[in-house]
Amino acid sequence: MRNLRSTLRLISRVVLGLCFAGTLERTALADLEETRGVFLGISTAGDRLKGAKKNFQAWAMKDQKGANVGFAMLESTPSIKEVLSNPKAFIGKKCVVQWYVSDESLNNYREPVTINVIKSVRWETTSAKPTSATPKGIAEGIYALYKAVGPESAHFGFELRDVKLMRSLFRADLAAAIMADMADGDKRNDSPKLNFDPFLNAQDCRLENLEVKVAAQGKAAAVVCASFKNMGESAKVYLDFSLTTDGWRIADIRGRNSLRKMYRLQPL
């Protein structure tokens, strides 16, 4: 399984090269260019501006074609500052980066070097709410997000730290347990207990042959089974739903393990 930290270490070794102009397909936007993709993280580049005490930071992302691309972070605009305050909270999110080409004097080069510099970022919101509020419709809406992100991604289909989104999908006790786990991992600067994608029961994603079926249906409870091939291996994940005053909510996700058991919540 691919480890996100290993991926970021790899990117940090090559990100300066990715920041050089001419490596990206550009969409003209007045004096700025635009690139869409998925945010991977922030790393330290292998060089610094002349006169600077520290190497500059670099924005790492995967573009729409699946290529790793990077941008030198030389400006502190509000949208960039927001990410710098907590980069982990944005990893895996779809974004649109505005950037420009600049000639900069770098410590390791005699002549000015042309690099790509990030100016700002905006985040593309993908609603996880399905068109149908039935258990099957909710499950289909969730798995549709993996297709939106791309055929291969090391990240969750949506952001597990988004309070509003979590409460709209999960029963209150499970939502609270997951968000507390995420917060604890951030506080310790380490992985949370939920260090895999619960909807795939895996860390990597290359989803094929997806089929979503209702396995059991009652007045106040339901079970939906998602069967698929992931990374070439067949798998099944069961979503247990409970009918709450706010509608159907996911009360448990069962792959090889149960989230409720992992968080020691009361059995359904």
C-alpha atoms as a PDB file:
ATOM      1  CA  MET A   1       0.000   0.000   0.000  1.00  0.00           C
ATOM      2  CA  ARG A   2       1.237   3.432  -0.894  1.00  0.00           C
ATOM      3  CA  ASN A   3       2.115   5.590   2.131  1.00  0.00           C
ATOM      4  CA  LEU A   4       1.286   9.310   1.898  1.00  0.00           C
ATOM      5  CA  ARG A   5       4.444  10.335   3.746  1.00  0.00           C
ATOM      6  CA  SER A   6       6.572   8.355   1.269  1.00  0.00           C
ATOM      7  CA  THR A   7       4.775  10.044  -1.598  1.00  0.00           C
ATOM      8  CA  LEU A   8       5.471  13.492  -0.116  1.00  0.00           C
ATOM      9  CA  ARG A   9       9.134  12.614   0.451  1.00  0.00           C
ATOM     10  CA  LEU A  10       9.403  11.593  -3.188  1.00  0.00           C
ATOM     11  CA  ILE A  11       7.725  14.812  -4.287  1.00  0.00           C
ATOM     12  CA  SER A  12      10.062  16.893  -2.091  1.00  0.00           C
ATOM     13  CA  ARG A  13      13.052  15.453  -3.993  1.00  0.00           C
ATOM     14  CA  VAL A  14      11.704  16.400  -7.396  1.00  0.00           C
ATOM     15  CA  VAL A  15       9.457  19.356  -6.655  1.00  0.00           C
ATOM     16  CA  LEU A  16      12.030  21.979  -7.643  1.00  0.00           C
ATOM     17  CA  GLY A  17      12.194  20.415 -11.074  1.00  0.00           C
ATOM     18  CA  LEU A  18       8.399  20.375 -11.268  1.00  0.00           C
ATOM     19  CA  CYS A  19       8.366  24.093 -10.420  1.00  0.00           C
ATOM     20  CA  PHE A  20      10.385  24.951 -13.488  1.00  0.00           C
ATOM     21  CA  ALA A  21       8.353  26.617 -16.234  1.00  0.00           C
ATOM     22  CA  GLY A  22       7.434  24.583 -19.279  1.00  0.00           C
ATOM     23  CA  THR A  23       6.456  21.402 -17.412  1.00  0.00           C
ATOM     24  CA  LEU A  24       2.714  22.132 -17.198  1.00  0.00           C
ATOM     25  CA  GLU A  25      -0.136  22.457 -19.610  1.00  0.00           C
ATOM     26  CA  ARG A  26      -1.407  25.988 -19.108  1.00  0.00           C
ATOM     27  CA  THR A  27      -4.840  27.548 -19.231  1.00  0.00           C
ATOM     28  CA  ALA A  28      -4.432  31.288 -19.829  1.00  0.00           C
ATOM     29  CA  LEU A  29      -6.096  33.457 -17.191  1.00  0.00           C
ATOM     30  CA  ALA A  30      -5.105  37.057 -17.968  1.00  0.00           C
ATOM     31  CA  ASP A  31      -1.572  37.311 -16.473  1.00  0.00           C
ATOM     32  CA  LEU A  32      -2.102  34.095 -14.536  1.00  0.00           C
ATOM     33  CA  GLU A  33      -2.239  30.441 -15.503  1.00  0.00           C
ATOM     34  CA  GLU A  34      -4.579  27.839 -14.016  1.00  0.00           C
ATOM     35  CA  THR A  35      -4.156  24.160 -13.132  1.00  0.00           C
ATOM     36  CA  ARG A  36      -6.775  21.811 -11.674  1.00  0.00           C
ATOM     37  CA  GLY A  37      -6.056  18.730  -9.621  1.00  0.00           C
ATOM     38  CA  VAL A  38      -5.835  17.179  -6.152  1.00  0.00           C
ATOM     39  CA  PHE A  39      -3.731  18.687  -3.357  1.00  0.00           C
ATOM     40  CA  LEU A  40      -1.008  16.334  -2.036  1.00  0.00           C
ATOM     41  CA  GLY A  41       0.753  18.493   0.506  1.00  0.00           C
ATOM     42  CA  ILE A  42       3.501  21.033   1.104  1.00  0.00           C
ATOM     43  CA  SER A  43       7.184  20.167   1.068  1.00  0.00           C
ATOM     44  CA  THR A  44      10.476  22.026   1.218  1.00  0.00           C
ATOM     45  CA  ALA A  45      12.193  22.630  -2.110  1.00  0.00           C
ATOM     46  CA  GLY A  46      15.873  21.850  -2.634  1.00  0.00           C
ATOM     47  CA  ASP A  47      16.878  25.479  -3.115  1.00  0.00           C
ATOM     48  CA  ARG A  48      16.336  28.991  -1.759  1.00  0.00           C
ATOM     49  CA  LEU A  49      16.140  32.508  -3.123  1.00  0.00           C
ATOM     50  CA  LYS A  50      19.471  34.311  -2.998  1.00  0.00           C
ATOM     51  CA  GLY A  51      19.754  36.159   0.287  1.00  0.00           C
ATOM     52  CA  ALA A  52      17.097  33.989   1.964  1.00  0.00           C
ATOM     53  CA  LYS A  53      17.959  32.017   5.103  1.00  0.00           C
ATOM     54  CA  LYS A  54      15.705  29.048   4.364  1.00  0.00           C
ATOM     55  CA  ASN A  55      14.709  26.998   1.331  1.00  0.00           C
ATOM     56  CA  PHE A  56      11.306  28.006   0.008  1.00  0.00           C
ATOM     57  CA  GLN A  57       8.268  25.769   0.349  1.00  0.00           C
ATOM     58  CA  ALA A  58       6.597  24.068  -2.573  1.00  0.00           C
ATOM     59  CA  TRP A  59       2.976  23.214  -3.308  1.00  0.00           C
ATOM     60  CA  ALA A  60       2.548  19.605  -4.460  1.00  0.00           C
ATOM     61  CA  MET A  61      -0.511  18.347  -6.322  1.00  0.00           C
ATOM     62  CA  LYS A  62      -1.647  15.795  -8.871  1.00  0.00           C
ATOM     63  CA  ASP A  63      -3.107  17.319 -12.025  1.00  0.00           C
ATOM     64  CA  GLN A  64      -6.114  16.048 -13.976  1.00  0.00           C
ATOM     65  CA  LYS A  65      -3.902  13.733 -16.031  1.00  0.00           C
ATOM     66  CA  GLY A  66      -2.474  12.127 -12.888  1.00  0.00           C
ATOM     67  CA  ALA A  67       0.951  13.761 -13.088  1.00  0.00           C
ATOM     68  CA  ASN A  68       2.655  15.174  -9.989  1.00  0.00           C
ATOM     69  CA  VAL A  69       3.229  18.920 -10.371  1.00  0.00           C
ATOM     70  CA  GLY A  70       4.670  21.550  -8.065  1.00  0.00           C
ATOM     71  CA  PHE A  71       4.723  25.306  -7.558  1.00  0.00           C
ATOM     72  CA  ALA A  72       7.134  27.531  -5.666  1.00  0.00           C
ATOM     73  CA  MET A  73       5.420  29.216  -2.709  1.00  0.00           C
ATOM     74  CA  LEU A  74       6.905  32.713  -2.755  1.00  0.00           C
ATOM     75  CA  GLU A  75       3.751  34.681  -1.900  1.00  0.00           C
ATOM     76  CA  SER A  76       1.605  34.723   1.243  1.00  0.00           C
ATOM     77  CA  THR A  77      -1.841  35.484  -0.128  1.00  0.00           C
ATOM     78  CA  PRO A  78      -4.858  34.766   2.146  1.00  0.00           C
ATOM     79  CA  SER A  79      -5.816  31.521   0.390  1.00  0.00           C
ATOM     80  CA  ILE A  80      -2.230  30.245   0.695  1.00  0.00           C
ATOM     81  CA  LYS A  81      -1.959  31.272   4.367  1.00  0.00           C
ATOM     82  CA  GLU A  82      -5.107  29.282   5.126  1.00  0.00           C
ATOM     83  CA  VAL A  83      -3.495  26.094   3.821  1.00  0.00           C
ATOM     84  CA  LEU A  84      -0.174  26.773   5.553  1.00  0.00           C
ATOM     85  CA  SER A  85      -1.999  26.974   8.887  1.00  0.00           C
ATOM     86  CA  ASN A  86      -3.083  23.325   8.594  1.00  0.00           C
ATOM     87  CA  PRO A  87      -1.999  21.545   5.382  1.00  0.00           C
ATOM     88  CA  LYS A  88      -3.275  18.140   6.547  1.00  0.00           C
ATOM     89  CA  ALA A  89      -6.860  19.396   6.533  1.00  0.00           C
ATOM     90  CA  PHE A  90      -6.670  19.993   2.772  1.00  0.00           C
ATOM     91  CA  ILE A  91      -4.851  16.862   1.587  1.00  0.00           C
ATOM     92  CA  GLY A  92      -6.907  14.973  -0.981  1.00  0.00           C
ATOM     93  CA  LYS A  93      -9.174  17.916  -1.828  1.00  0.00           C
ATOM     94  CA  LYS A  94      -9.766  19.034  -5.403  1.00  0.00           C
ATOM     95  CA  CYS A  95      -8.354  22.473  -6.090  1.00  0.00           C
ATOM     96  CA  VAL A  96      -7.760  25.060  -8.782  1.00  0.00           C
ATOM     97  CA  VAL A  97      -4.355  26.759  -8.541  1.00  0.00           C
ATOM     98  CA  GLN A  98      -3.612  30.103 -10.128  1.00  0.00           C
ATOM     99  CA  TRP A  99       0.062  30.595 -10.876  1.00  0.00           C
ATOM    100  CA  TYR A 100       2.508  32.621 -12.933  1.00  0.00           C
ATOM    101  CA  VAL A 101       5.929  32.248 -14.502  1.00  0.00           C
ATOM    102  CA  SER A 102       8.735  34.181 -12.834  1.00  0.00           C
ATOM    103  CA  ASP A 103      12.484  34.582 -13.241  1.00  0.00           C
ATOM    104  CA  GLU A 104      14.087  34.182  -9.818  1.00  0.00           C
ATOM    105  CA  SER A 105      17.664  34.191  -8.542  1.00  0.00           C
ATOM    106  CA  LEU A 106      18.248  30.910  -6.745  1.00  0.00           C
ATOM    107  CA  ASN A 107      21.147  30.017  -4.484  1.00  0.00           C
ATOM    108  CA  ASN A 108      22.350  27.059  -6.576  1.00  0.00           C
ATOM    109  CA  TYR A 109      22.269  28.816  -9.961  1.00  0.00           C
ATOM    110  CA  ARG A 110      24.438  31.580 -11.370  1.00  0.00           C
ATOM    111  CA  GLU A 111      21.760  32.929 -13.693  1.00  0.00           C
ATOM    112  CA  PRO A 112      18.079  33.663 -12.916  1.00  0.00           C
ATOM    113  CA  VAL A 113      15.897  30.576 -13.255  1.00  0.00           C
ATOM    114  CA  THR A 114      12.358  30.504 -14.663  1.00  0.00           C
ATOM    115  CA  ILE A 115       9.982  28.816 -12.208  1.00  0.00           C
ATOM    116  CA  ASN A 116       6.237  28.445 -11.683  1.00  0.00           C
ATOM    117  CA  VAL A 117       4.982  30.401  -8.657  1.00  0.00           C
ATOM    118  CA  ILE A 118       1.610  29.802  -6.995  1.00  0.00           C
ATOM    119  CA  LYS A 119      -0.496  32.937  -6.551  1.00  0.00           C
ATOM    120  CA  SER A 120      -3.720  31.625  -5.037  1.00  0.00           C
ATOM    121  CA  VAL A 121      -5.912  28.554  -4.679  1.00  0.00           C
ATOM    122  CA  ARG A 122      -9.618  27.914  -4.612  1.00  0.00           C
ATOM    123  CA  TRP A 123     -11.245  24.658  -3.588  1.00  0.00           C
ATOM    124  CA  GLU A 124     -13.741  22.766  -5.691  1.00  0.00           C
ATOM    125  CA  THR A 125     -16.638  21.557  -3.588  1.00  0.00           C
ATOM    126  CA  THR A 126     -18.019  18.151  -4.474  1.00  0.00           C
ATOM    127  CA  SER A 127     -21.255  17.481  -2.646  1.00  0.00           C
ATOM    128  CA  ALA A 128     -21.470  14.038  -1.113  1.00  0.00           C
ATOM    129  CA  LYS A 129     -25.216  14.341  -0.757  1.00  0.00           C
ATOM    130  CA  PRO A 130     -26.897  12.052  -3.285  1.00  0.00           C
ATOM    131  CA  THR A 131     -29.955  12.933  -5.293  1.00  0.00           C
ATOM    132  CA  SER A 132     -31.786  10.140  -3.483  1.00  0.00           C
ATOM    133  CA  ALA A 133     -32.047  10.154   0.329  1.00  0.00           C
ATOM    134  CA  THR A 134     -32.499   6.370   0.522  1.00  0.00           C
ATOM    135  CA  PRO A 135     -29.665   4.220   1.920  1.00  0.00           C
ATOM    136  CA  LYS A 136     -28.808   2.965  -1.552  1.00  0.00           C
ATOM    137  CA  GLY A 137     -28.907   6.483  -2.972  1.00  0.00           C
ATOM    138  CA  ILE A 138     -26.592   7.768  -0.254  1.00  0.00           C
ATOM    139  CA  ALA A 139     -24.128   4.930  -0.899  1.00  0.00           C
ATOM    140  CA  GLU A 140     -24.209   5.538  -4.653  1.00  0.00           C
ATOM    141  CA  GLY A 141     -23.548   9.238  -4.045  1.00  0.00           C
ATOM    142  CA  ILE A 142     -20.527   8.456  -1.893  1.00  0.00           C
ATOM    143  CA  TYR A 143     -18.914   6.046  -4.348  1.00  0.00           C
ATOM    144  CA  ALA A 144     -19.528   8.482  -7.201  1.00  0.00           C
ATOM    145  CA  LEU A 145     -16.956  10.759  -5.541  1.00  0.00           C
ATOM    146  CA  TYR A 146     -14.161   8.316  -6.296  1.00  0.00           C
ATOM    147  CA  LYS A 147     -14.897   8.683  -9.985  1.00  0.00           C
ATOM    148  CA  ALA A 148     -14.871  12.471  -9.563  1.00  0.00           C
ATOM    149  CA  VAL A 149     -11.404  12.448  -7.980  1.00  0.00           C
ATOM    150  CA  GLY A 150      -9.983  10.193 -10.687  1.00  0.00           C
ATOM    151  CA  PRO A 151      -9.228   6.564 -11.472  1.00  0.00           C
ATOM    152  CA  GLU A 152      -6.425   6.385  -8.921  1.00  0.00           C
ATOM    153  CA  SER A 153      -6.033   8.339  -5.700  1.00  0.00           C
ATOM    154  CA  ALA A 154      -4.448   7.711  -2.320  1.00  0.00           C
ATOM    155  CA  HIS A 155      -7.017   9.873  -0.609  1.00  0.00           C
ATOM    156  CA  PHE A 156     -10.510   9.612   0.749  1.00  0.00           C
ATOM    157  CA  GLY A 157     -13.351  10.393  -1.649  1.00  0.00           C
ATOM    158  CA  PHE A 158     -14.269  13.280   0.652  1.00  0.00           C
ATOM    159  CA  GLU A 159     -12.883  15.162   3.619  1.00  0.00           C
ATOM    160  CA  LEU A 160     -13.390  13.368   6.939  1.00  0.00           C
ATOM    161  CA  ARG A 161     -12.700  16.596   8.851  1.00  0.00           C
ATOM    162  CA  ASP A 162     -15.624  18.466   7.298  1.00  0.00           C
ATOM    163  CA  VAL A 163     -18.040  18.737  10.252  1.00  0.00           C
ATOM    164  CA  LYS A 164     -21.136  19.631   8.228  1.00  0.00           C
ATOM    165  CA  LEU A 165     -20.514  16.886   5.698  1.00  0.00           C
ATOM    166  CA  MET A 166     -19.774  14.251   8.329  1.00  0.00           C
ATOM    167  CA  ARG A 167     -22.984  14.996  10.217  1.00  0.00           C
ATOM    168  CA  SER A 168     -24.971  14.807   6.999  1.00  0.00           C
ATOM    169  CA  LEU A 169     -23.677  11.299   6.284  1.00  0.00           C
ATOM    170  CA  PHE A 170     -22.952   9.571   9.599  1.00  0.00           C
ATOM    171  CA  ARG A 171     -24.998   8.909  12.698  1.00  0.00           C
ATOM    172  CA  ALA A 172     -24.036  11.352  15.444  1.00  0.00           C
ATOM    173  CA  ASP A 173     -22.020   8.931  17.598  1.00  0.00           C
ATOM    174  CA  LEU A 174     -19.963   7.584  14.687  1.00  0.00           C
ATOM    175  CA  ALA A 175     -19.403  11.058  13.213  1.00  0.00           C
ATOM    176  CA  ALA A 176     -18.148  12.321  16.574  1.00  0.00           C
ATOM    177  CA  ALA A 177     -15.798   9.347  16.985  1.00  0.00           C
ATOM    178  CA  ILE A 178     -14.267   9.774  13.520  1.00  0.00           C
ATOM    179  CA  MET A 179     -13.776  13.538  13.883  1.00  0.00           C
ATOM    180  CA  ALA A 180     -12.235  13.118  17.349  1.00  0.00           C
ATOM    181  CA  ASP A 181      -9.861  10.527  15.881  1.00  0.00           C
ATOM    182  CA  MET A 182      -8.852  12.901  13.068  1.00  0.00           C
ATOM    183  CA  ALA A 183      -8.281  15.755  15.535  1.00  0.00           C
ATOM    184  CA  ASP A 184      -6.188  13.525  17.805  1.00  0.00           C
ATOM    185  CA  GLY A 185      -4.001  12.460  14.883  1.00  0.00           C
ATOM    186  CA  ASP A 186      -3.478  16.102  13.866  1.00  0.00           C
ATOM    187  CA  LYS A 187      -2.615  17.058  17.452  1.00  0.00           C
ATOM    188  CA  ARG A 188      -0.008  14.284  17.690  1.00  0.00           C
ATOM    189  CA  ASN A 189       1.208  14.974  14.130  1.00  0.00           C
ATOM    190  CA  ASP A 190       0.651  11.292  13.460  1.00  0.00           C
ATOM    191  CA  SER A 191      -1.826   9.011  11.711  1.00  0.00           C
ATOM    192  CA  PRO A 192      -5.290   8.573  13.252  1.00  0.00           C
ATOM    193  CA  LYS A 193      -6.713   5.139  14.027  1.00  0.00           C
ATOM    194  CA  LEU A 194      -8.669   5.445  10.794  1.00  0.00           C
ATOM    195  CA  ASN A 195      -5.599   5.504   8.558  1.00  0.00           C
ATOM    196  CA  PHE A 196      -7.372   3.881   5.623  1.00  0.00           C
ATOM    197  CA  ASP A 197     -10.372   4.696   3.473  1.00  0.00           C
ATOM    198  CA  PRO A 198     -13.366   3.084   5.242  1.00  0.00           C
ATOM    199  CA  PHE A 199     -15.432   2.912   2.062  1.00  0.00           C
ATOM    200  CA  LEU A 200     -12.730   0.874   0.327  1.00  0.00           C
ATOM    201  CA  ASN A 201     -11.170  -0.766   3.378  1.00  0.00           C
ATOM    202  CA  ALA A 202      -7.831   0.158   1.820  1.00  0.00           C
ATOM    203  CA  GLN A 203      -5.314   2.976   1.499  1.00  0.00           C
ATOM    204  CA  ASP A 204      -5.028   2.926  -2.280  1.00  0.00           C
ATOM    205  CA  CYS A 205      -7.751   3.261  -4.851  1.00  0.00           C
ATOM    206  CA  ARG A 206      -8.171   1.956  -8.374  1.00  0.00           C
ATOM    207  CA  LEU A 207     -11.846   1.139  -8.399  1.00  0.00           C
ATOM    208  CA  GLU A 208     -13.470  -1.106 -10.993  1.00  0.00           C
ATOM    209  CA  ASN A 209     -16.691  -3.089 -11.429  1.00  0.00           C
ATOM    210  CA  LEU A 210     -18.549  -1.219  -8.709  1.00  0.00           C
ATOM    211  CA  GLU A 211     -21.997  -2.523  -7.780  1.00  0.00           C
ATOM    212  CA  VAL A 212     -24.170  -1.140  -4.991  1.00  0.00           C
ATOM    213  CA  LYS A 213     -27.045  -3.290  -3.694  1.00  0.00           C
ATOM    214  CA  VAL A 214     -29.453  -3.263  -0.766  1.00  0.00           C
ATOM    215  CA  ALA A 215     -28.639  -6.310   1.373  1.00  0.00           C
ATOM    216  CA  ALA A 216     -31.353  -5.720   3.986  1.00  0.00           C
ATOM    217  CA  GLN A 217     -34.086  -3.143   4.455  1.00  0.00           C
ATOM    218  CA  GLY A 218     -36.282  -2.391   7.464  1.00  0.00           C
ATOM    219  CA  LYS A 219     -38.298   0.566   8.705  1.00  0.00           C
ATOM    220  CA  ALA A 220     -35.481   2.021  10.790  1.00  0.00           C
ATOM    221  CA  ALA A 221     -32.397   0.102   9.652  1.00  0.00           C
ATOM    222  CA  ALA A 222     -30.846  -0.978   6.384  1.00  0.00           C
ATOM    223  CA  VAL A 223     -27.681  -2.577   5.046  1.00  0.00           C
ATOM    224  CA  VAL A 224     -26.139  -1.654   1.701  1.00  0.00           C
ATOM    225  CA  CYS A 225     -23.376  -3.758   0.166  1.00  0.00           C
ATOM    226  CA  ALA A 226     -20.797  -2.224  -2.166  1.00  0.00           C
ATOM    227  CA  SER A 227     -18.878  -4.822  -4.147  1.00  0.00           C
ATOM    228  CA  PHE A 228     -15.984  -3.880  -6.414  1.00  0.00           C
ATOM    229  CA  LYS A 229     -12.464  -4.613  -7.525  1.00  0.00           C
ATOM    230  CA  ASN A 230      -9.838  -2.370  -5.975  1.00  0.00           C
ATOM    231  CA  MET A 231      -6.238  -2.562  -7.128  1.00  0.00           C
ATOM    232  CA  GLY A 232      -7.221  -5.766  -8.936  1.00  0.00           C
ATOM    233  CA  GLU A 233      -8.607  -7.497  -5.826  1.00  0.00           C
ATOM    234  CA  SER A 234     -12.294  -8.246  -5.207  1.00  0.00           C
ATOM    235  CA  ALA A 235     -13.771  -6.680  -2.090  1.00  0.00           C
ATOM    236  CA  LYS A 236     -17.067  -6.043  -0.328  1.00  0.00           C
ATOM    237  CA  VAL A 237     -17.936  -3.273   2.117  1.00  0.00           C
ATOM    238  CA  TYR A 238     -21.178  -3.164   4.100  1.00  0.00           C
ATOM    239  CA  LEU A 239     -22.752   0.142   5.116  1.00  0.00           C
ATOM    240  CA  ASP A 240     -25.155  -0.133   8.051  1.00  0.00           C
ATOM    241  CA  PHE A 241     -27.777   2.640   8.061  1.00  0.00           C
ATOM    242  CA  SER A 242     -30.014   3.903  10.862  1.00  0.00           C
ATOM    243  CA  LEU A 243     -33.055   6.111  10.382  1.00  0.00           C
ATOM    244  CA  THR A 244     -32.632   9.193  12.586  1.00  0.00           C
ATOM    245  CA  THR A 245     -34.747  12.321  13.059  1.00  0.00           C
ATOM    246  CA  ASP A 246     -32.575  13.925  10.352  1.00  0.00           C
ATOM    247  CA  GLY A 247     -32.998  11.036   7.911  1.00  0.00           C
ATOM    248  CA  TRP A 248     -30.886   8.000   7.000  1.00  0.00           C
ATOM    249  CA  ARG A 249     -27.361   8.064   8.402  1.00  0.00           C
ATOM    250  CA  ILE A 250     -24.433   5.623   8.253  1.00  0.00           C
ATOM    251  CA  ALA A 251     -24.140   3.951  11.654  1.00  0.00           C
ATOM    252  CA  ASP A 252     -21.288   1.571  10.794  1.00  0.00           C
ATOM    253  CA  ILE A 253     -18.978   0.569   7.956  1.00  0.00           C
ATOM    254  CA  ARG A 254     -17.861  -3.045   7.870  1.00  0.00           C
ATOM    255  CA  GLY A 255     -15.040  -4.312   5.700  1.00  0.00           C
ATOM    256  CA  ARG A 256     -12.556  -6.606   7.370  1.00  0.00           C
ATOM    257  CA  ASN A 257     -13.382  -4.720  10.563  1.00  0.00           C
ATOM    258  CA  SER A 258     -16.204  -2.628  11.972  1.00  0.00           C
ATOM    259  CA  LEU A 259     -15.749   1.094  12.675  1.00  0.00           C
ATOM    260  CA  ARG A 260     -18.047   0.801  15.682  1.00  0.00           C
ATOM    261  CA  LYS A 261     -15.831  -1.931  17.137  1.00  0.00           C
ATOM    262  CA  MET A 262     -12.676   0.049  16.387  1.00  0.00           C
ATOM    263  CA  TYR A 263     -14.068   3.070  18.258  1.00  0.00           C
ATOM    264  CA  ARG A 264     -15.693   0.909  20.960  1.00  0.00           C
ATOM    265  CA  LEU A 265     -19.150   2.256  20.289  1.00  0.00           C
ATOM    266  CA  GLN A 266     -22.321   0.512  21.401  1.00  0.00           C
ATOM    267  CA  PRO A 267     -23.241  -2.312  18.972  1.00  0.00           C
ATOM    268  CA  LEU A 268     -26.221  -1.742  16.685  1.00  0.00           C
END
